[in-house]
Amino acid sequence: MQHFIKLFRRYNLHFWAIMIAIALWLQVHGQGDGSLSMDVPLQVQGLPADMVIVNDFPEHVRITIKGLQTRLKDLRQQDLTVPLDVSDLTTPGVVERSLQIGLISLPVGLRIEKVKPERLQLQVDRRVTRSIPVHAHFELPEGWQVTQVNIEPAQVKLTGPDVWLETLRAVETTPIRPELKEGPIEAKTGVESPSGKSIRLAGGKVEIIVRGTLEKLPISIKSSPGGTN
C-alpha cells in the first residue's frame, strides 16, 4: 500500500498534466468539424496603370471552408479577401487566371474545400487618353429649338480602354433646360459620364459653357381636306 502511495505521489504531476491536456483538447476539438460557405470580395492586385479590364467579372467569390466548429464561428467576423494578381499583364487580349486561394489567411484548423468560380476570364485593353467632341443636350418642349450653338470647351479629354474610346464620337452635356423665353441663352453645365465604368474625364470635373439662341418655331396651319387656302 505504501509503495502505491509513493508511486502516486511520484507521478502526481504527470497525471494532472495529462488530464489538463486532455481537457484542453476536448474543449478545442470536442465540437467536431463543420463547413461554412461565404461570399468573399475579390481583390484585383497589381494592375498596371496603362492597362484596364473591360469585361464584367464577379466582385465576390463563393468559398467553402471546413474545419473546427469553434474556429468557423469566429471566422464570420474576419475581413477575408481573395487576391487576384494581374501585375504581369502588359498587352491587350483575353487571359485566364486561377484564383490564389493559397494566399487567403485562415486560422489554424481551417482549410478551403471549394471555390466558385475557380478561374476567371479577363479581357484586357490598353488605357489611352483622347480628345472627344462635346454635344449640347437640350431638353425642350415641342415647338422650341436652339440655334447658333457655341460650346466652350468644344472638346474634353477622356481616359479609358482604347477599344471603347475608338468608337466614341461625342460626349453629351448634362441636360440643359433653359427658360422658355426667346433670345440669347447661356448655361454652365458638365458632361454626362459615358457608358462604361472604365471611362472617365482625364482631368476630373470640367465646366462646360453653352451659348445659343432660343427660338420658338412658327405654328404651321394644316388645311382640312376639301378646304380652301
Protein backbone atom coordinates (compact mmCIF):
# COMPACT_ATOMS: atom_id res chain seq x y z
CA MET A 1 0.00 0.00 0.00
CA GLN A 2 2.78 2.38 0.92
CA HIS A 3 4.51 1.51 -2.33
CA PHE A 4 1.38 2.50 -4.29
CA ILE A 5 1.13 5.82 -2.42
CA LYS A 6 4.78 6.56 -3.22
CA LEU A 7 4.17 5.87 -6.90
CA PHE A 8 1.08 8.10 -6.94
CA ARG A 9 2.95 10.97 -5.34
CA ARG A 10 5.82 10.45 -7.72
CA TYR A 11 3.68 10.63 -10.85
CA ASN A 12 1.03 13.01 -9.50
CA LEU A 13 2.22 15.99 -11.56
CA HIS A 14 2.43 13.90 -14.71
CA PHE A 15 -1.09 12.64 -14.15
CA TRP A 16 -2.60 16.11 -13.81
CA ALA A 17 -0.61 17.40 -16.77
CA ILE A 18 -2.10 14.65 -18.90
CA MET A 19 -5.61 15.36 -17.61
CA ILE A 20 -5.28 19.10 -18.34
CA ALA A 21 -4.01 18.34 -21.86
CA ILE A 22 -6.98 16.05 -22.48
CA ALA A 23 -9.39 18.69 -21.19
CA LEU A 24 -7.91 21.35 -23.47
CA TRP A 25 -8.05 19.01 -26.45
CA LEU A 26 -11.69 18.24 -25.78
CA GLN A 27 -12.50 21.92 -25.46
CA VAL A 28 -11.00 22.69 -28.84
CA HIS A 29 -11.93 19.56 -30.74
CA GLY A 30 -14.98 18.39 -28.88
CA GLN A 31 -17.48 20.09 -31.17
CA GLY A 32 -16.07 18.35 -34.23
CA ASP A 33 -15.62 19.61 -37.77
CA GLY A 34 -18.08 21.61 -39.84
CA SER A 35 -18.25 23.65 -43.03
CA LEU A 36 -19.14 27.24 -43.88
CA SER A 37 -19.90 28.81 -47.27
CA MET A 38 -19.47 32.56 -47.64
CA ASP A 39 -19.07 35.25 -50.30
CA VAL A 40 -15.63 36.85 -50.13
CA PRO A 41 -14.64 40.05 -52.00
CA LEU A 42 -12.34 39.60 -54.98
CA GLN A 43 -9.36 41.95 -54.77
CA VAL A 44 -7.54 42.77 -58.02
CA GLN A 45 -3.89 43.49 -57.28
CA GLY A 46 -1.04 44.95 -59.32
CA LEU A 47 -2.98 46.12 -62.41
CA PRO A 48 -0.54 48.31 -64.40
CA ALA A 49 -1.60 51.96 -64.73
CA ASP A 50 -1.70 51.77 -68.53
CA MET A 51 -3.94 48.69 -68.62
CA VAL A 52 -7.64 48.24 -67.86
CA ILE A 53 -10.02 45.28 -67.55
CA VAL A 54 -13.04 45.89 -69.78
CA ASN A 55 -15.25 42.84 -69.21
CA ASP A 56 -17.52 42.22 -66.26
CA PHE A 57 -16.24 39.78 -63.64
CA PRO A 58 -17.66 38.89 -60.23
CA GLU A 59 -16.93 41.21 -57.32
CA HIS A 60 -17.27 38.30 -54.87
CA VAL A 61 -16.18 34.67 -54.87
CA ARG A 62 -18.06 31.84 -53.15
CA ILE A 63 -15.76 29.77 -50.95
CA THR A 64 -16.48 26.79 -48.73
CA ILE A 65 -14.31 26.42 -45.63
CA LYS A 66 -14.05 23.29 -43.49
CA GLY A 67 -12.60 22.82 -40.04
CA LEU A 68 -13.28 23.15 -36.36
CA GLN A 69 -16.72 24.46 -35.43
CA THR A 70 -15.30 26.83 -32.83
CA ARG A 71 -12.99 28.43 -35.40
CA LEU A 72 -15.74 28.67 -38.02
CA LYS A 73 -17.93 30.72 -35.66
CA ASP A 74 -15.20 33.33 -35.26
CA LEU A 75 -14.44 33.40 -38.98
CA ARG A 76 -17.56 35.43 -39.85
CA GLN A 77 -16.10 38.43 -38.04
CA GLN A 78 -12.88 38.48 -40.05
CA ASP A 79 -12.26 40.51 -43.21
CA LEU A 80 -11.29 37.93 -45.83
CA THR A 81 -10.39 38.72 -49.44
CA VAL A 82 -9.44 36.59 -52.43
CA PRO A 83 -6.40 38.13 -54.18
CA LEU A 84 -6.13 38.19 -57.97
CA ASP A 85 -2.63 39.17 -59.12
CA VAL A 86 -2.58 40.77 -62.60
CA SER A 87 0.74 42.59 -62.34
CA ASP A 88 2.14 40.66 -65.31
CA LEU A 89 -0.43 42.00 -67.81
CA THR A 90 1.37 44.03 -70.47
CA THR A 91 -0.56 43.57 -73.72
CA PRO A 92 -4.26 43.71 -74.72
CA GLY A 93 -6.09 40.43 -75.06
CA VAL A 94 -8.08 37.75 -73.24
CA VAL A 95 -6.37 35.91 -70.39
CA GLU A 96 -7.43 33.36 -67.78
CA ARG A 97 -6.44 33.49 -64.14
CA SER A 98 -6.70 30.91 -61.37
CA LEU A 99 -7.75 32.30 -58.01
CA GLN A 100 -4.92 32.34 -55.48
CA ILE A 101 -6.75 30.66 -52.64
CA GLY A 102 -3.46 29.64 -51.07
CA LEU A 103 -2.85 33.28 -50.18
CA ILE A 104 -6.06 33.57 -48.14
CA SER A 105 -5.12 33.82 -44.49
CA LEU A 106 -7.17 31.41 -42.36
CA PRO A 107 -6.87 30.47 -38.67
CA VAL A 108 -5.15 27.20 -37.79
CA GLY A 109 -7.50 24.27 -38.15
CA LEU A 110 -9.41 25.64 -41.16
CA ARG A 111 -8.97 24.87 -44.84
CA ILE A 112 -10.65 25.87 -48.10
CA GLU A 113 -12.53 22.95 -49.60
CA LYS A 114 -14.13 24.60 -52.63
CA VAL A 115 -14.11 27.91 -54.51
CA LYS A 116 -16.52 29.07 -57.19
CA PRO A 117 -15.55 30.10 -59.78
CA GLU A 118 -12.11 28.52 -59.77
CA ARG A 119 -10.88 30.51 -62.79
CA LEU A 120 -11.74 33.90 -64.27
CA GLN A 121 -11.52 35.13 -67.85
CA LEU A 122 -10.33 38.72 -68.20
CA GLN A 123 -10.47 40.92 -71.28
CA VAL A 124 -7.63 43.41 -71.03
CA ASP A 125 -7.10 46.58 -73.07
CA ARG A 126 -4.66 49.45 -73.07
CA ARG A 127 -5.71 52.65 -71.29
CA VAL A 128 -5.47 55.73 -73.53
CA THR A 129 -6.42 59.41 -73.40
CA ARG A 130 -8.28 61.07 -76.27
CA SER A 131 -10.00 64.38 -77.00
CA ILE A 132 -13.70 63.84 -77.67
CA PRO A 133 -16.13 66.49 -79.07
CA VAL A 134 -18.87 67.78 -76.75
CA HIS A 135 -22.51 67.83 -77.88
CA ALA A 136 -25.07 70.07 -76.16
CA HIS A 137 -28.06 68.17 -74.83
CA PHE A 138 -31.13 70.44 -74.64
CA GLU A 139 -34.40 69.29 -73.12
CA LEU A 140 -37.09 71.47 -74.72
CA PRO A 141 -40.83 71.07 -75.25
CA GLU A 142 -42.13 70.59 -78.75
CA GLY A 143 -42.03 73.78 -80.79
CA TRP A 144 -38.77 75.17 -79.39
CA GLN A 145 -35.19 74.98 -80.67
CA VAL A 146 -31.74 76.37 -80.00
CA THR A 147 -29.70 77.71 -82.91
CA GLN A 148 -26.20 79.17 -83.27
CA VAL A 149 -24.92 76.84 -80.53
CA ASN A 150 -21.42 77.53 -79.24
CA ILE A 151 -19.71 75.20 -76.73
CA GLU A 152 -16.61 76.00 -74.67
CA PRO A 153 -14.53 73.93 -74.49
CA ALA A 154 -15.57 72.18 -77.68
CA GLN A 155 -13.72 69.01 -76.63
CA VAL A 156 -12.87 67.19 -73.41
CA LYS A 157 -10.16 64.66 -72.68
CA LEU A 158 -11.34 61.22 -71.65
CA THR A 159 -9.26 58.31 -70.45
CA GLY A 160 -10.34 54.71 -70.80
CA PRO A 161 -9.99 51.50 -72.82
CA ASP A 162 -8.75 52.07 -76.36
CA VAL A 163 -11.46 49.80 -77.81
CA TRP A 164 -14.24 51.96 -76.31
CA LEU A 165 -12.79 55.42 -76.95
CA GLU A 166 -12.06 54.50 -80.57
CA THR A 167 -15.79 54.30 -81.33
CA LEU A 168 -16.91 57.22 -79.13
CA ARG A 169 -17.79 60.07 -81.49
CA ALA A 170 -19.09 62.62 -78.95
CA VAL A 171 -19.96 63.08 -75.30
CA GLU A 172 -23.15 64.89 -74.28
CA THR A 173 -23.52 67.61 -71.70
CA THR A 174 -25.80 67.09 -68.75
CA PRO A 175 -29.38 68.05 -69.74
CA ILE A 176 -29.90 71.80 -70.27
CA ARG A 177 -33.39 73.18 -69.56
CA PRO A 178 -33.40 76.90 -70.41
CA GLU A 179 -36.21 79.27 -69.52
CA LEU A 180 -38.73 79.34 -72.36
CA LYS A 181 -38.01 82.87 -73.47
CA GLU A 182 -36.86 83.70 -76.97
CA GLY A 183 -33.42 85.22 -77.28
CA PRO A 184 -29.80 84.53 -76.32
CA ILE A 185 -29.13 81.91 -73.64
CA GLU A 186 -26.07 80.86 -71.68
CA ALA A 187 -25.78 77.77 -69.48
CA LYS A 188 -22.99 76.33 -67.35
CA THR A 189 -23.06 72.57 -67.21
CA GLY A 190 -20.92 69.43 -67.14
CA VAL A 191 -20.68 66.31 -69.25
CA GLU A 192 -22.54 63.04 -68.87
CA SER A 193 -20.42 60.07 -67.91
CA PRO A 194 -20.05 57.84 -70.97
CA SER A 195 -21.33 54.30 -70.69
CA GLY A 196 -18.69 52.05 -69.26
CA LYS A 197 -17.33 52.25 -65.73
CA SER A 198 -13.75 52.43 -67.01
CA ILE A 199 -14.16 55.74 -68.89
CA ARG A 200 -13.64 58.98 -67.00
CA LEU A 201 -12.55 62.58 -67.50
CA ALA A 202 -8.77 62.82 -67.70
CA GLY A 203 -8.61 65.96 -65.57
CA GLY A 204 -11.53 65.38 -63.23
CA LYS A 205 -14.61 67.60 -63.39
CA VAL A 206 -14.88 70.19 -66.15
CA GLU A 207 -17.26 73.15 -66.59
CA ILE A 208 -18.89 73.50 -69.98
CA ILE A 209 -20.36 76.83 -71.12
CA VAL A 210 -23.08 76.57 -73.76
CA ARG A 211 -24.37 79.63 -75.62
CA GLY A 212 -27.04 79.90 -78.28
CA THR A 213 -30.30 81.46 -79.33
CA LEU A 214 -33.61 80.07 -78.15
CA GLU A 215 -36.33 80.27 -80.76
CA LYS A 216 -39.95 79.31 -80.95
CA LEU A 217 -40.88 77.57 -84.15
CA PRO A 218 -43.75 79.04 -86.17
CA ILE A 219 -47.01 77.12 -85.92
CA SER A 220 -47.94 75.61 -89.25
CA ILE A 221 -51.66 75.59 -90.10
CA LYS A 222 -52.75 72.49 -91.99
CA SER A 223 -55.69 72.87 -94.33
CA SER A 224 -58.52 70.38 -93.91
CA PRO A 225 -59.36 68.02 -96.80
CA GLY A 226 -61.55 69.72 -99.36
CA GLY A 227 -60.99 73.16 -97.79
CA THR A 228 -59.80 76.29 -99.48
CA ASN A 229 -56.46 78.03 -98.90
